[in-house]
């Protein structure tokens, strides 16, 4: 068993980070609900998440080689803390692989997937308990819940408004798809809705958001390149569409400067994903590093250049006239 002080030590996918509780753990009867949490450097946010899951019969934490105190904090709440090389810096897998790995460790009939920056409200916990207790074999095979968003500690109703998340599933009826990021849960059977609310405290600061965006866009670009699917034909068009979709259609403008800032951030996410896909294709020799612009691009660019020059001349004339007066 590698030391916890060496997060890069080679570990097999089935390694369990032992605690005194797990060392003497005897076989446990089949639990009703297993709560699964994936972690990577979540020391600042993990404790409130695990506190909200104390009602579950089994809590499983799968860590992607964190370099902070995430593992130690997790061990304070559960003996089932695993370290997997499927997710983390320089690791080949993604979120889907990690979730399926965790799913194989669960012993319950039902599995609840929660992120480290999320919290289950008491009302949602009670409702989950109720539907699981009443459930019979067969449908519904899964349940989805409404998630309330907080960015930088601020509740957001438009910029990143409430969304439905499918997180509760029968263990034998669900599997996460193969996507590395923004993965989806494939369920064989019908999915019903719950009334309870899942709280999502996403990103502590702009720096944290940019750090996460850099990691996620790399995974997104690798995923699109693997599937030979360019994120967008025109990066400029995709950026403009992303901005106006959030700022106008989703009404982010109602949230003032915060809404404008985040709409630009989402547009930047779109651009970075496209740019990193282009870089992968260039490095693989799929496309040349430089290409001649098309005819329409040259016409539009020249027209814009002449318009900008005219604007500059007009501005200088106005400025010169004001000085003479």
Protein backbone atom coordinates (compact mmCIF):
# COMPACT_ATOMS: atom_id res chain seq x y z
CA UNK A 1 0.00 0.00 0.00
CA UNK A 2 1.63 3.29 -1.05
CA UNK A 3 1.99 6.11 1.43
CA UNK A 4 -0.61 8.86 1.37
CA UNK A 5 2.23 11.36 1.40
CA UNK A 6 3.13 10.20 -2.11
CA UNK A 7 0.08 10.96 -4.27
CA UNK A 8 1.87 9.92 -7.45
CA UNK A 9 2.85 6.47 -6.19
CA UNK A 10 1.55 3.72 -8.50
CA UNK A 11 -1.74 2.34 -7.25
CA UNK A 12 -3.96 -0.27 -8.78
CA UNK A 13 -7.52 0.65 -9.71
CA UNK A 14 -8.80 -1.42 -6.79
CA UNK A 15 -6.68 0.17 -4.06
CA UNK A 16 -8.55 1.04 -0.90
CA UNK A 17 -7.17 3.77 1.35
CA UNK A 18 -7.46 1.98 4.64
CA UNK A 19 -8.57 3.60 7.85
CA UNK A 20 -8.86 1.93 11.28
CA UNK A 21 -12.55 1.41 10.52
CA UNK A 22 -11.93 -0.38 7.24
CA UNK A 23 -9.09 -2.51 8.60
CA UNK A 24 -11.43 -4.28 10.98
CA UNK A 25 -14.47 -4.04 8.73
CA UNK A 26 -16.41 -7.27 8.49
CA UNK A 27 -18.73 -8.14 5.60
CA UNK A 28 -21.73 -5.84 5.73
CA UNK A 29 -25.27 -6.77 4.75
CA UNK A 30 -26.47 -5.31 1.49
CA UNK A 31 -27.20 -1.63 2.02
CA UNK A 32 -30.21 0.16 0.55
CA UNK A 33 -28.52 3.32 -0.76
CA UNK A 34 -24.88 3.91 -1.70
CA UNK A 35 -23.78 7.53 -2.11
CA UNK A 36 -20.78 8.00 -4.42
CA UNK A 37 -18.55 11.09 -4.45
CA UNK A 38 -15.62 11.67 -6.83
CA UNK A 39 -12.82 13.91 -5.59
CA UNK A 40 -9.70 15.63 -6.77
CA UNK A 41 -8.23 18.34 -4.53
CA UNK A 42 -11.58 19.06 -2.87
CA UNK A 43 -10.31 19.62 0.69
CA UNK A 44 -12.02 23.02 0.96
CA UNK A 45 -15.48 21.79 -0.05
CA UNK A 46 -15.69 18.09 0.74
CA UNK A 47 -16.75 18.13 4.40
CA UNK A 48 -20.16 19.87 3.88
CA UNK A 49 -20.89 17.47 1.02
CA UNK A 50 -20.20 14.36 3.12
CA UNK A 51 -22.11 15.86 6.06
CA UNK A 52 -25.18 16.00 3.82
CA UNK A 53 -24.80 12.28 3.05
CA UNK A 54 -24.59 10.88 6.58
CA UNK A 55 -28.11 9.45 6.19
CA UNK A 56 -26.99 7.09 3.39
CA UNK A 57 -26.32 3.43 4.17
CA UNK A 58 -22.96 3.53 2.43
CA UNK A 59 -20.73 6.43 1.35
CA UNK A 60 -17.99 5.73 -1.18
CA UNK A 61 -15.32 8.28 -2.07
CA UNK A 62 -13.10 7.70 -5.11
CA UNK A 63 -10.15 10.07 -5.25
CA UNK A 64 -8.08 10.87 -8.33
CA UNK A 65 -4.71 11.25 -6.57
CA UNK A 66 -5.40 14.51 -4.72
CA UNK A 67 -2.38 16.48 -3.55
CA UNK A 68 -4.18 18.22 -0.67
CA UNK A 69 -5.97 16.84 2.42
CA UNK A 70 -8.96 15.45 0.52
CA UNK A 71 -8.29 11.80 1.39
CA UNK A 72 -7.74 12.51 5.08
CA UNK A 73 -10.99 14.48 5.26
CA UNK A 74 -12.89 11.72 3.48
CA UNK A 75 -11.57 9.10 5.89
CA UNK A 76 -13.19 11.07 8.73
CA UNK A 77 -16.61 10.28 7.27
CA UNK A 78 -16.29 6.86 5.66
CA UNK A 79 -13.98 3.88 5.60
CA UNK A 80 -14.68 3.33 1.89
CA UNK A 81 -12.13 5.68 0.35
CA UNK A 82 -10.49 4.49 -2.86
CA UNK A 83 -7.75 5.98 -5.02
CA UNK A 84 -8.10 5.33 -8.72
CA UNK A 85 -5.76 6.17 -11.59
CA UNK A 86 -8.68 6.75 -13.97
CA UNK A 87 -8.90 10.48 -13.24
CA UNK A 88 -6.36 13.08 -12.22
CA UNK A 89 -3.25 14.82 -13.56
CA UNK A 90 -1.75 12.87 -16.43
CA UNK A 91 -4.25 10.02 -16.09
CA UNK A 92 -5.82 8.44 -19.19
CA UNK A 93 -9.46 8.17 -18.18
CA UNK A 94 -12.23 10.61 -17.42
CA UNK A 95 -15.26 11.16 -15.24
CA UNK A 96 -17.28 8.35 -16.82
CA UNK A 97 -14.56 5.78 -16.13
CA UNK A 98 -14.20 6.99 -12.57
CA UNK A 99 -17.93 6.86 -11.88
CA UNK A 100 -18.26 3.35 -13.32
CA UNK A 101 -15.28 2.26 -11.23
CA UNK A 102 -17.00 3.63 -8.12
CA UNK A 103 -20.28 2.02 -9.13
CA UNK A 104 -18.61 -1.40 -9.15
CA UNK A 105 -17.58 -0.89 -5.51
CA UNK A 106 -21.13 -0.21 -4.30
CA UNK A 107 -23.16 -2.92 -2.54
CA UNK A 108 -26.58 -1.27 -2.53
CA UNK A 109 -29.63 -1.70 -4.71
CA UNK A 110 -29.72 2.04 -5.36
CA UNK A 111 -26.84 4.41 -6.06
CA UNK A 112 -26.79 8.18 -5.58
CA UNK A 113 -24.10 10.15 -7.42
CA UNK A 114 -23.10 13.45 -5.82
CA UNK A 115 -20.27 15.84 -6.73
CA UNK A 116 -17.95 17.20 -4.06
CA UNK A 117 -19.31 20.73 -4.56
CA UNK A 118 -22.92 19.65 -4.08
CA UNK A 119 -25.08 19.18 -0.99
CA UNK A 120 -28.21 17.12 -0.49
CA UNK A 121 -30.90 19.04 1.36
CA UNK A 122 -32.75 17.25 4.21
CA UNK A 123 -35.95 17.39 2.15
CA UNK A 124 -34.27 15.68 -0.81
CA UNK A 125 -32.69 13.07 1.46
CA UNK A 126 -36.06 12.23 2.98
CA UNK A 127 -37.68 11.98 -0.43
CA UNK A 128 -34.92 9.66 -1.70
CA UNK A 129 -35.37 7.42 1.33
CA UNK A 130 -39.11 7.35 0.72
CA UNK A 131 -38.99 6.43 -2.99
CA UNK A 132 -36.37 3.74 -2.38
CA UNK A 133 -38.40 2.23 0.42
CA UNK A 134 -41.52 2.14 -1.76
CA UNK A 135 -39.73 0.94 -4.88
CA UNK A 136 -40.39 -2.44 -6.42
CA UNK A 137 -38.33 -4.27 -9.01
CA UNK A 138 -38.61 -2.64 -12.43
CA UNK A 139 -39.51 0.96 -13.27
CA UNK A 140 -38.77 3.63 -12.46
CA UNK A 141 -35.13 2.68 -12.89
CA UNK A 142 -33.85 6.14 -12.00
CA UNK A 143 -34.76 9.54 -10.64
CA UNK A 144 -33.68 13.03 -11.50
CA UNK A 145 -33.60 16.07 -9.23
CA UNK A 146 -33.56 19.82 -9.70
CA UNK A 147 -30.23 21.50 -8.94
CA UNK A 148 -29.98 25.05 -7.60
CA UNK A 149 -26.83 26.88 -8.68
CA UNK A 150 -24.44 29.09 -6.73
CA UNK A 151 -21.42 30.71 -8.41
CA UNK A 152 -18.76 32.37 -6.24
CA UNK A 153 -21.21 31.94 -3.37
CA UNK A 154 -23.89 33.94 -5.22
CA UNK A 155 -27.22 32.30 -6.14
CA UNK A 156 -27.79 32.55 -9.88
CA UNK A 157 -31.22 32.13 -11.43
CA UNK A 158 -30.45 33.07 -15.05
CA UNK A 159 -26.72 32.83 -15.84
CA UNK A 160 -26.52 29.25 -14.65
CA UNK A 161 -30.12 28.58 -13.79
CA UNK A 162 -31.72 25.50 -12.24
CA UNK A 163 -31.15 22.28 -14.15
CA UNK A 164 -32.37 18.71 -13.89
CA UNK A 165 -29.77 16.10 -12.96
CA UNK A 166 -30.27 12.32 -13.12
CA UNK A 167 -28.35 11.05 -10.10
CA UNK A 168 -30.32 8.25 -8.42
CA UNK A 169 -30.34 4.90 -10.23
CA UNK A 170 -30.80 1.21 -9.63
CA UNK A 171 -27.37 -0.39 -9.59
CA UNK A 172 -28.30 -2.93 -12.27
CA UNK A 173 -30.01 -0.41 -14.56
CA UNK A 174 -27.46 2.32 -15.12
CA UNK A 175 -24.06 2.95 -16.67
CA UNK A 176 -22.14 6.14 -17.36
CA UNK A 177 -21.34 6.79 -21.00
CA UNK A 178 -17.80 6.91 -22.31
CA UNK A 179 -17.41 10.69 -22.37
CA UNK A 180 -14.40 12.05 -20.48
CA UNK A 181 -16.26 15.18 -19.33
CA UNK A 182 -19.90 16.28 -19.16
CA UNK A 183 -20.70 12.61 -18.97
CA UNK A 184 -24.23 11.25 -19.00
CA UNK A 185 -25.92 8.45 -17.09
CA UNK A 186 -27.52 5.89 -19.40
CA UNK A 187 -30.49 4.19 -17.72
CA UNK A 188 -32.41 1.18 -18.95
CA UNK A 189 -35.95 2.05 -17.95
CA UNK A 190 -38.02 5.10 -17.15
CA UNK A 191 -36.79 8.07 -15.13
CA UNK A 192 -39.07 9.89 -12.67
CA UNK A 193 -38.73 13.34 -11.10
CA UNK A 194 -38.12 14.19 -7.46
CA UNK A 195 -39.30 17.40 -5.79
CA UNK A 196 -36.30 17.93 -3.50
CA UNK A 197 -33.48 20.35 -4.31
CA UNK A 198 -29.79 19.57 -4.80
CA UNK A 199 -27.52 22.53 -3.99
CA UNK A 200 -24.53 23.17 -6.23
CA UNK A 201 -21.80 25.51 -4.93
CA UNK A 202 -19.77 25.80 -8.12
CA UNK A 203 -16.42 27.62 -8.14
CA UNK A 204 -15.12 29.69 -5.26
CA UNK A 205 -13.54 32.43 -7.38
CA UNK A 206 -12.83 33.50 -10.93
CA UNK A 207 -9.34 31.98 -10.61
CA UNK A 208 -10.93 28.67 -9.59
CA UNK A 209 -13.35 28.90 -12.52
CA UNK A 210 -10.52 29.52 -15.00
CA UNK A 211 -8.50 26.63 -13.54
CA UNK A 212 -11.46 24.27 -13.91
CA UNK A 213 -12.26 25.61 -17.38
CA UNK A 214 -8.71 24.89 -18.52
CA UNK A 215 -8.94 21.29 -17.33
CA UNK A 216 -12.44 20.68 -18.67
CA UNK A 217 -11.79 22.19 -22.12
CA UNK A 218 -8.75 19.92 -22.49
CA UNK A 219 -10.92 16.89 -21.76
CA UNK A 220 -13.69 18.21 -24.03
CA UNK A 221 -11.26 18.79 -26.90
CA UNK A 222 -9.72 15.34 -26.49
CA UNK A 223 -13.18 13.81 -26.51
CA UNK A 224 -14.29 15.64 -29.68
CA UNK A 225 -11.00 14.84 -31.41
CA UNK A 226 -11.32 11.16 -30.53
CA UNK A 227 -14.80 11.14 -32.09
CA UNK A 228 -13.61 13.21 -35.07
CA UNK A 229 -16.21 15.86 -34.30
CA UNK A 230 -15.04 19.46 -34.58
CA UNK A 231 -16.80 21.53 -31.85
CA UNK A 232 -17.82 24.13 -34.45
CA UNK A 233 -17.05 24.99 -38.08
CA UNK A 234 -16.60 28.66 -37.25
CA UNK A 235 -15.09 29.54 -33.85
CA UNK A 236 -16.24 33.16 -34.17
CA UNK A 237 -19.82 32.12 -34.88
CA UNK A 238 -19.76 29.62 -31.99
CA UNK A 239 -18.42 32.24 -29.59
CA UNK A 240 -21.06 34.79 -30.59
CA UNK A 241 -23.82 32.18 -30.38
CA UNK A 242 -22.65 31.04 -26.94
CA UNK A 243 -22.58 34.59 -25.59
CA UNK A 244 -25.97 35.65 -26.90
CA UNK A 245 -27.60 32.35 -25.94
CA UNK A 246 -26.66 32.92 -22.31
CA UNK A 247 -26.83 36.70 -22.11
CA UNK A 248 -30.05 37.24 -24.09
CA UNK A 249 -31.95 33.94 -24.37
CA UNK A 250 -31.23 32.78 -20.80
CA UNK A 251 -31.55 36.41 -19.63
CA UNK A 252 -28.20 36.68 -17.87
CA UNK A 253 -28.46 40.44 -18.38
CA UNK A 254 -30.91 40.43 -15.47
CA UNK A 255 -27.97 39.68 -13.16
CA UNK A 256 -26.00 42.77 -14.12
CA UNK A 257 -22.20 42.71 -14.29
CA UNK A 258 -22.17 39.17 -12.91
CA UNK A 259 -24.34 37.97 -15.81
CA UNK A 260 -22.17 39.76 -18.38
CA UNK A 261 -18.99 38.36 -16.85
CA UNK A 262 -20.23 34.78 -16.82
CA UNK A 263 -21.68 34.99 -20.33
CA UNK A 264 -18.22 36.00 -21.55
CA UNK A 265 -16.70 33.14 -19.53
CA UNK A 266 -18.98 30.59 -21.18
CA UNK A 267 -18.09 32.02 -24.59
CA UNK A 268 -14.42 31.68 -23.67
CA UNK A 269 -15.06 28.02 -22.78
CA UNK A 270 -16.44 27.49 -26.28
CA UNK A 271 -13.39 29.14 -27.84
CA UNK A 272 -10.85 27.20 -25.77
CA UNK A 273 -12.50 23.88 -26.61
CA UNK A 274 -12.33 24.71 -30.33
CA UNK A 275 -8.73 25.95 -30.10
CA UNK A 276 -7.51 22.87 -28.22
CA UNK A 277 -9.26 20.58 -30.72
CA UNK A 278 -7.50 22.46 -33.53
CA UNK A 279 -4.16 22.06 -31.75
CA UNK A 280 -4.67 18.30 -31.36
CA UNK A 281 -5.56 17.99 -35.06
CA UNK A 282 -2.54 20.06 -36.08
CA UNK A 283 -0.14 18.05 -33.93
CA UNK A 284 -1.57 14.81 -35.34
CA UNK A 285 -1.00 16.05 -38.90
CA UNK A 286 -4.72 15.99 -39.67
CA UNK A 287 -4.76 19.66 -40.68
CA UNK A 288 -1.96 22.08 -41.65
CA UNK A 289 -0.77 24.64 -39.17
CA UNK A 290 -1.72 27.52 -41.45
CA UNK A 291 -4.29 27.75 -44.23
CA UNK A 292 -5.21 30.48 -46.66
CA UNK A 293 -8.46 32.23 -45.74
CA UNK A 294 -11.45 31.62 -47.97
CA UNK A 295 -12.81 34.18 -50.41
CA UNK A 296 -15.70 35.25 -48.18
CA UNK A 297 -13.36 35.66 -45.22
CA UNK A 298 -11.02 37.90 -47.23
CA UNK A 299 -13.89 40.06 -48.48
CA UNK A 300 -15.38 40.54 -45.01
CA UNK A 301 -11.97 41.15 -43.40
CA UNK A 302 -11.00 43.78 -45.99
CA UNK A 303 -14.35 45.54 -45.60
CA UNK A 304 -13.96 45.63 -41.83
CA UNK A 305 -10.38 46.88 -42.19
CA UNK A 306 -11.49 49.77 -44.43
CA UNK A 307 -14.33 50.61 -42.05
CA UNK A 308 -11.92 50.66 -39.10
CA UNK A 309 -9.51 52.93 -41.00
CA UNK A 310 -12.37 55.29 -41.84
CA UNK A 311 -13.45 55.37 -38.23
CA UNK A 312 -9.89 56.22 -37.17
CA UNK A 313 -9.70 59.10 -39.65
CA UNK A 314 -13.08 60.42 -38.49
CA UNK A 315 -11.99 60.20 -34.86
CA UNK A 316 -8.77 62.13 -35.56
CA UNK A 317 -10.66 64.86 -37.40
CA UNK A 318 -13.12 65.28 -34.56
CA UNK A 319 -10.28 65.36 -32.05
CA UNK A 320 -8.35 67.94 -34.13
CA UNK A 321 -11.41 70.16 -34.46
CA UNK A 322 -12.01 70.15 -30.71
CA UNK A 323 -8.41 71.15 -30.06
CA UNK A 324 -8.61 74.13 -32.46
CA UNK A 325 -11.72 75.38 -30.70
